[in-house]
N, C-alpha and C. Protein backbone atom coordinates (compact mmCIF):
# COMPACT_ATOMS: atom_id res chain seq x y z
N MET A 1 -1.58 157.71 159.27
CA MET A 1 -2.34 158.42 160.28
C MET A 1 -4.33 157.88 159.90
N ALA A 2 -4.20 157.58 159.16
CA ALA A 2 -5.82 157.26 159.11
C ALA A 2 -5.36 155.73 159.65
N LEU A 3 -5.26 154.81 159.50
CA LEU A 3 -4.29 153.34 160.15
C LEU A 3 -3.91 154.17 162.23
N PHE A 4 -4.18 155.00 162.39
CA PHE A 4 -3.80 154.69 163.84
C PHE A 4 -5.28 156.25 164.17
N SER A 5 -6.21 156.35 163.44
CA SER A 5 -6.13 157.50 164.16
C SER A 5 -8.26 156.68 164.17
N GLY A 6 -8.22 155.57 164.39
CA GLY A 6 -9.37 154.89 164.66
C GLY A 6 -9.80 154.63 163.57
N GLY A 7 -10.02 154.92 162.66
CA GLY A 7 -10.80 154.65 161.05
C GLY A 7 -9.38 153.80 160.61
N LYS A 8 -10.16 153.08 159.49
CA LYS A 8 -9.25 152.92 158.26
C LYS A 8 -9.84 153.05 157.46
N PRO A 9 -9.80 153.30 156.11
CA PRO A 9 -10.19 153.95 154.80
C PRO A 9 -10.78 152.21 153.57
N GLU A 10 -11.83 152.09 153.07
CA GLU A 10 -12.20 150.50 152.69
C GLU A 10 -10.82 150.43 150.99
N ILE A 11 -10.56 151.94 150.39
CA ILE A 11 -10.31 151.84 149.37
C ILE A 11 -8.72 153.01 149.65
N PHE A 12 -7.36 152.76 149.21
CA PHE A 12 -6.80 153.65 148.96
C PHE A 12 -6.18 154.17 147.15
N HIS A 13 -6.39 155.32 146.62
CA HIS A 13 -7.29 155.32 145.46
C HIS A 13 -4.79 156.36 145.16
N SER A 14 -4.09 156.06 144.48
CA SER A 14 -3.34 157.41 143.92
C SER A 14 -3.43 157.24 142.75
N ASP A 15 -2.02 157.85 142.32
CA ASP A 15 -1.13 158.06 140.84
C ASP A 15 -0.34 156.77 141.49
N GLN A 16 0.97 156.39 140.59
CA GLN A 16 1.69 155.16 140.58
C GLN A 16 3.02 155.73 140.80
N GLY A 17 3.00 156.95 142.22
CA GLY A 17 3.84 157.17 142.40
C GLY A 17 4.82 155.52 143.11
N CYS A 18 6.29 155.74 143.17
CA CYS A 18 6.69 155.21 143.14
C CYS A 18 6.48 154.94 145.44
N GLN A 19 6.63 155.79 145.59
CA GLN A 19 6.36 156.25 147.23
C GLN A 19 4.95 155.03 147.89
N PHE A 20 4.36 155.32 146.79
CA PHE A 20 2.83 154.12 146.60
C PHE A 20 2.94 152.87 145.88
N THR A 21 3.84 152.38 145.31
CA THR A 21 3.79 151.73 144.41
C THR A 21 5.05 150.23 145.05
N SER A 22 5.83 151.32 146.05
CA SER A 22 6.83 150.43 147.07
C SER A 22 6.01 149.36 147.95
N SER A 23 6.88 147.62 147.63
CA SER A 23 6.34 146.44 148.44
C SER A 23 5.89 147.05 149.82
N ALA A 24 6.29 147.86 150.56
CA ALA A 24 6.52 147.81 151.73
C ALA A 24 5.34 148.54 151.89
N PHE A 25 4.76 149.42 151.12
CA PHE A 25 3.90 150.77 150.96
C PHE A 25 2.30 150.02 150.95
N VAL A 26 2.64 149.14 150.17
CA VAL A 26 1.43 147.39 149.57
C VAL A 26 1.50 147.04 150.04
N GLN A 27 2.21 145.78 150.98
CA GLN A 27 2.14 145.27 152.32
C GLN A 27 1.44 145.88 153.25
N ARG A 28 2.03 147.21 153.75
CA ARG A 28 0.73 147.74 154.70
C ARG A 28 -0.81 147.62 154.52
N LEU A 29 -0.61 147.82 152.80
CA LEU A 29 -2.11 148.19 153.02
C LEU A 29 -3.18 146.46 153.17
N LYS A 30 -2.90 145.84 151.94
CA LYS A 30 -2.59 144.36 152.31
C LYS A 30 -3.05 143.76 153.38
N ALA A 31 -2.19 143.78 154.46
CA ALA A 31 -2.13 143.65 155.68
C ALA A 31 -3.31 143.79 156.54
N GLU A 32 -3.55 145.70 156.00
CA GLU A 32 -4.89 145.97 156.48
C GLU A 32 -6.20 145.64 156.01
N ASP A 33 -6.53 144.81 155.00
CA ASP A 33 -6.91 144.46 154.10
C ASP A 33 -8.11 145.73 153.68
N ILE A 34 -6.61 147.20 153.17
CA ILE A 34 -7.39 148.06 152.21
C ILE A 34 -6.89 148.01 150.40
N LYS A 35 -8.46 147.72 149.68
CA LYS A 35 -8.34 147.53 148.52
C LYS A 35 -7.26 148.65 147.67
N ILE A 36 -6.70 148.37 146.46
CA ILE A 36 -5.77 149.34 145.94
C ILE A 36 -6.08 150.09 144.83
N SER A 37 -5.89 151.05 144.47
CA SER A 37 -6.93 151.80 143.43
C SER A 37 -5.49 152.63 143.19
N TRP A 38 -5.28 152.55 142.12
CA TRP A 38 -4.18 153.49 141.47
C TRP A 38 -3.88 153.73 139.64
N SER A 39 -4.26 155.07 139.71
CA SER A 39 -4.94 155.93 138.34
C SER A 39 -3.46 155.88 136.88
N GLY A 40 -4.18 155.29 136.03
CA GLY A 40 -3.45 154.56 134.82
C GLY A 40 -1.75 155.10 134.64
N ARG A 41 -1.41 154.99 134.35
CA ARG A 41 0.08 155.20 133.93
C ARG A 41 -0.71 156.78 132.73
N GLY A 42 0.60 157.70 132.65
CA GLY A 42 -0.11 158.49 131.68
C GLY A 42 -1.76 159.53 131.72
N ARG A 43 -1.83 158.97 133.43
CA ARG A 43 -2.88 159.54 133.99
C ARG A 43 -3.29 161.24 134.35
N CYS A 44 -2.08 161.72 134.54
CA CYS A 44 -1.49 162.40 135.37
C CYS A 44 -2.64 164.10 135.51
N PHE A 45 -3.14 164.18 134.03
CA PHE A 45 -3.95 165.25 133.74
C PHE A 45 -5.65 164.29 134.50
N ASP A 46 -5.54 163.45 135.35
CA ASP A 46 -6.93 163.36 135.78
C ASP A 46 -7.25 164.30 137.13
N ASN A 47 -6.18 164.95 137.98
CA ASN A 47 -6.47 165.73 139.11
C ASN A 47 -5.87 166.98 138.34
N ILE A 48 -6.30 167.86 137.57
CA ILE A 48 -5.91 169.03 136.61
C ILE A 48 -7.29 170.14 137.34
N LEU A 49 -8.05 169.78 137.02
CA LEU A 49 -9.33 170.22 137.85
C LEU A 49 -8.55 170.69 139.72
N VAL A 50 -8.42 169.25 140.00
CA VAL A 50 -8.24 170.33 141.51
C VAL A 50 -6.94 170.50 141.88
N GLU A 51 -5.76 170.40 140.98
CA GLU A 51 -4.73 171.25 141.50
C GLU A 51 -5.43 172.46 140.71
N ARG A 52 -6.32 172.85 140.28
CA ARG A 52 -6.11 174.22 139.64
C ARG A 52 -7.29 174.98 140.90
N LEU A 53 -7.87 173.58 141.19
CA LEU A 53 -8.85 175.04 142.51
C LEU A 53 -7.35 174.97 143.08
N TRP A 54 -6.97 174.03 144.68
CA TRP A 54 -6.00 174.22 145.38
C TRP A 54 -4.94 175.63 145.12
N HIS A 55 -4.48 175.91 143.70
CA HIS A 55 -3.61 176.58 143.43
C HIS A 55 -4.11 178.47 143.52
N THR A 56 -5.31 178.23 142.77
CA THR A 56 -6.76 179.25 143.28
C THR A 56 -6.65 179.43 144.98
N VAL A 57 -7.01 178.06 145.72
CA VAL A 57 -6.80 179.31 146.94
C VAL A 57 -6.13 178.97 147.91
N LYS A 58 -4.97 178.82 147.54
CA LYS A 58 -3.33 179.09 148.48
C LYS A 58 -2.78 180.67 148.04
N TYR A 59 -3.25 180.47 146.36
CA TYR A 59 -2.46 182.05 146.14
C TYR A 59 -4.08 183.49 145.99
N GLU A 60 -5.11 182.78 146.49
CA GLU A 60 -6.28 184.25 146.20
C GLU A 60 -6.76 184.28 147.90
N GLU A 61 -6.51 183.46 148.40
CA GLU A 61 -6.67 182.85 150.28
C GLU A 61 -5.58 182.74 150.97
N VAL A 62 -4.85 181.70 150.90
CA VAL A 62 -4.15 181.34 152.19
C VAL A 62 -3.21 182.21 152.20
N TYR A 63 -1.80 181.93 150.78
CA TYR A 63 -1.11 183.22 151.09
C TYR A 63 -1.30 184.54 151.65
N LEU A 64 -2.13 185.29 151.23
CA LEU A 64 -2.57 187.11 151.94
C LEU A 64 -3.24 186.98 153.22
N ARG A 65 -2.82 186.06 153.60
CA ARG A 65 -3.89 185.57 155.44
C ARG A 65 -2.82 185.25 156.43
N ALA A 66 -3.00 186.11 157.61
CA ALA A 66 -1.59 184.86 158.77
C ALA A 66 -3.19 184.67 159.36
N TYR A 67 -3.57 183.95 159.65
CA TYR A 67 -4.62 183.38 159.78
C TYR A 67 -3.08 183.06 162.12
N GLY A 68 -4.40 183.16 162.87
CA GLY A 68 -4.10 183.34 164.16
C GLY A 68 -4.53 182.21 164.54
N ASP A 69 -5.18 181.23 164.25
CA ASP A 69 -5.03 179.90 164.94
C ASP A 69 -5.65 178.50 163.24
N GLY A 70 -5.70 177.90 163.49
CA GLY A 70 -7.06 176.96 163.27
C GLY A 70 -7.81 177.08 162.86
N TRP A 71 -8.53 177.70 164.24
CA TRP A 71 -9.99 178.91 163.91
C TRP A 71 -10.07 178.87 163.34
N GLU A 72 -9.73 180.21 163.26
CA GLU A 72 -8.90 180.94 161.90
C GLU A 72 -9.19 180.98 160.85
N ALA A 73 -8.69 180.05 160.68
CA ALA A 73 -7.98 179.68 159.32
C ALA A 73 -9.23 178.71 158.64
N GLU A 74 -9.80 177.88 158.69
CA GLU A 74 -11.39 176.86 159.23
C GLU A 74 -12.02 177.51 158.50
N ILE A 75 -13.04 179.45 158.71
CA ILE A 75 -13.79 179.71 158.82
C ILE A 75 -13.48 180.71 158.00
N SER A 76 -11.96 181.50 157.94
CA SER A 76 -11.95 181.82 156.56
C SER A 76 -11.95 181.43 155.26
N LEU A 77 -11.61 180.26 155.75
CA LEU A 77 -11.58 179.34 153.81
C LEU A 77 -12.88 177.88 153.75
N ALA A 78 -13.96 178.67 155.48
CA ALA A 78 -14.88 178.21 154.76
C ALA A 78 -15.58 179.36 154.01
N ARG A 79 -15.37 180.54 154.73
CA ARG A 79 -15.35 181.90 153.55
C ARG A 79 -15.34 181.20 152.56
N PHE A 80 -13.67 181.91 151.84
CA PHE A 80 -13.66 180.98 150.49
C PHE A 80 -14.58 180.66 149.71
N PHE A 81 -14.62 179.20 150.24
CA PHE A 81 -15.24 178.50 149.00
C PHE A 81 -16.80 178.73 148.52
N TRP A 82 -17.98 179.22 150.05
CA TRP A 82 -18.80 179.86 150.09
C TRP A 82 -18.78 180.74 148.78
N ARG A 83 -18.42 182.02 148.57
CA ARG A 83 -17.92 182.99 147.59
C ARG A 83 -17.38 182.19 146.00
N TYR A 84 -16.49 181.25 146.25
CA TYR A 84 -16.24 181.02 145.45
C TYR A 84 -17.23 180.04 144.64
N GLY A 85 -18.46 179.00 145.28
CA GLY A 85 -19.21 178.28 144.62
C GLY A 85 -21.06 179.51 144.90
N HIS A 86 -21.08 180.56 145.34
CA HIS A 86 -21.69 181.23 144.71
C HIS A 86 -22.02 182.45 144.61
N VAL A 87 -20.40 183.24 144.70
CA VAL A 87 -20.57 184.29 143.77
C VAL A 87 -20.30 184.83 143.04
N ARG A 88 -18.58 183.95 143.04
CA ARG A 88 -17.59 184.53 141.73
C ARG A 88 -17.87 183.41 140.86
N PRO A 89 -17.84 184.57 139.48
CA PRO A 89 -18.80 183.75 138.07
C PRO A 89 -17.18 183.67 137.73
N HIS A 90 -17.27 182.12 136.91
CA HIS A 90 -16.11 181.18 136.84
C HIS A 90 -16.48 181.69 134.90
N SER A 91 -15.31 181.82 134.36
CA SER A 91 -15.45 181.61 132.68
C SER A 91 -15.48 180.60 131.58
N SER A 92 -14.75 179.20 132.72
CA SER A 92 -15.69 178.45 132.00
C SER A 92 -17.01 177.55 132.18
N LEU A 93 -17.89 178.39 133.18
CA LEU A 93 -19.34 178.22 133.02
C LEU A 93 -19.96 179.42 132.77
N GLY A 94 -19.41 180.24 131.67
CA GLY A 94 -20.43 181.47 131.23
C GLY A 94 -20.64 182.10 131.91
N GLY A 95 -19.17 182.76 132.97
CA GLY A 95 -19.85 184.54 132.91
C GLY A 95 -20.61 184.09 134.95
N LYS A 96 -21.26 182.12 134.59
CA LYS A 96 -21.77 181.85 135.55
C LYS A 96 -20.65 180.98 137.06
N THR A 97 -21.80 181.16 138.54
CA THR A 97 -20.85 180.71 139.35
C THR A 97 -22.32 178.90 139.48
N PRO A 98 -20.64 178.23 140.03
CA PRO A 98 -21.37 177.17 139.46
C PRO A 98 -22.47 176.50 140.52
N TYR A 99 -22.95 177.59 141.70
CA TYR A 99 -24.11 177.19 141.80
C TYR A 99 -25.20 177.82 141.76
N GLU A 100 -24.99 178.70 139.95
CA GLU A 100 -26.40 178.51 139.12
C GLU A 100 -26.49 178.06 138.09
N VAL A 101 -25.24 177.07 137.95
CA VAL A 101 -25.33 176.66 136.78
C VAL A 101 -25.50 175.17 136.79
N TYR A 102 -24.56 174.51 138.01
CA TYR A 102 -25.68 173.07 139.23
C TYR A 102 -27.09 173.22 139.47
N THR A 103 -27.57 173.77 140.21
CA THR A 103 -28.77 173.94 140.32
C THR A 103 -29.80 174.79 139.56
N GLU A 104 -29.19 175.12 138.84
CA GLU A 104 -30.14 176.25 137.96
C GLU A 104 -31.08 177.97 138.93
N ASN A 105 -30.71 177.81 139.72
CA ASN A 105 -31.34 178.26 140.51
C ASN A 105 -30.58 180.19 140.69
N LYS A 106 -31.55 181.01 141.05
CA LYS A 106 -30.23 181.98 141.35
C LYS A 106 -29.87 182.30 142.38
N PRO A 107 -28.41 182.91 142.12
CA PRO A 107 -27.33 182.76 143.40
C PRO A 107 -27.39 183.42 144.80
N CYS A 108 -26.66 182.86 145.57
CA CYS A 108 -27.32 182.95 146.66
C CYS A 108 -27.23 183.59 147.55
N SER A 109 -27.65 184.60 148.53
CA SER A 109 -28.25 186.40 148.80
C SER A 109 -27.35 185.93 150.28
N SER A 110 -26.81 185.22 150.56
CA SER A 110 -27.44 185.32 152.48
C SER A 110 -25.60 184.28 152.81
N ARG A 111 -25.08 184.88 154.14
CA ARG A 111 -23.41 184.15 154.03
C ARG A 111 -24.26 182.41 154.70
N PRO A 112 -23.63 181.74 155.15
CA PRO A 112 -23.33 180.80 156.24
C PRO A 112 -22.99 181.16 157.25
N GLY A 113 -23.73 180.64 158.44
CA GLY A 113 -23.52 180.76 159.91
C GLY A 113 -22.46 180.14 160.47
N LEU A 114 -22.45 178.98 159.69
CA LEU A 114 -20.90 178.10 160.51
C LEU A 114 -20.99 177.77 159.33
N THR A 115 -19.51 176.80 160.32
CA THR A 115 -18.18 176.38 159.21
C THR A 115 -18.58 175.21 158.86
N MET A 116 -17.44 174.53 157.67
CA MET A 116 -17.71 173.62 157.77
C MET A 116 -17.63 172.48 158.67
N SER A 117 -17.33 173.01 160.08
CA SER A 117 -16.95 172.04 161.17
C SER A 117 -18.21 172.07 161.80
N GLY A 118 -18.66 172.80 161.60
CA GLY A 118 -19.76 173.13 162.57
C GLY A 118 -19.68 174.87 163.27
N ALA A 119 -18.72 174.90 163.65
CA ALA A 119 -18.29 176.30 164.09
C ALA A 119 -18.91 177.26 164.10
N GLU A 120 -19.32 177.95 164.79
CA GLU A 120 -20.35 179.55 164.34
C GLU A 120 -18.62 180.30 163.89
N SER A 121 -19.43 180.90 162.78
CA SER A 121 -18.64 181.64 161.98
C SER A 121 -18.32 183.14 162.96
N PHE A 122 -17.96 184.10 162.94
CA PHE A 122 -17.79 185.94 163.08
C PHE A 122 -17.85 185.92 162.15
N GLN A 123 -18.81 187.09 161.91
CA GLN A 123 -19.39 187.93 160.96
C GLN A 123 -18.65 189.36 160.65
């Protein structure tokens, strides 16, 4: 899809699953002058943080909603991620929010007026 969208990545990074290491797939990347980067064997734990985040997003947001369209999904997800980073305390961070830990500021009290793509959100 990236190749047909008018742009192409400089580097393709993945695990060493057979779909990414097949000769046909590798040859296509090389033909497009795309560098290939693979995680080392046995590095399945590299993605644990992202996998936990997506589990949380699915079970606390996506599976609980019946979005009417893509815009509604984007707005709802933008709100979820904002709350996740600015309001929701994380036990792994000692009960602080990521915003508090990484900026050493007090929690932000206002909600964003725009979604990630810049579309205005409804309040």
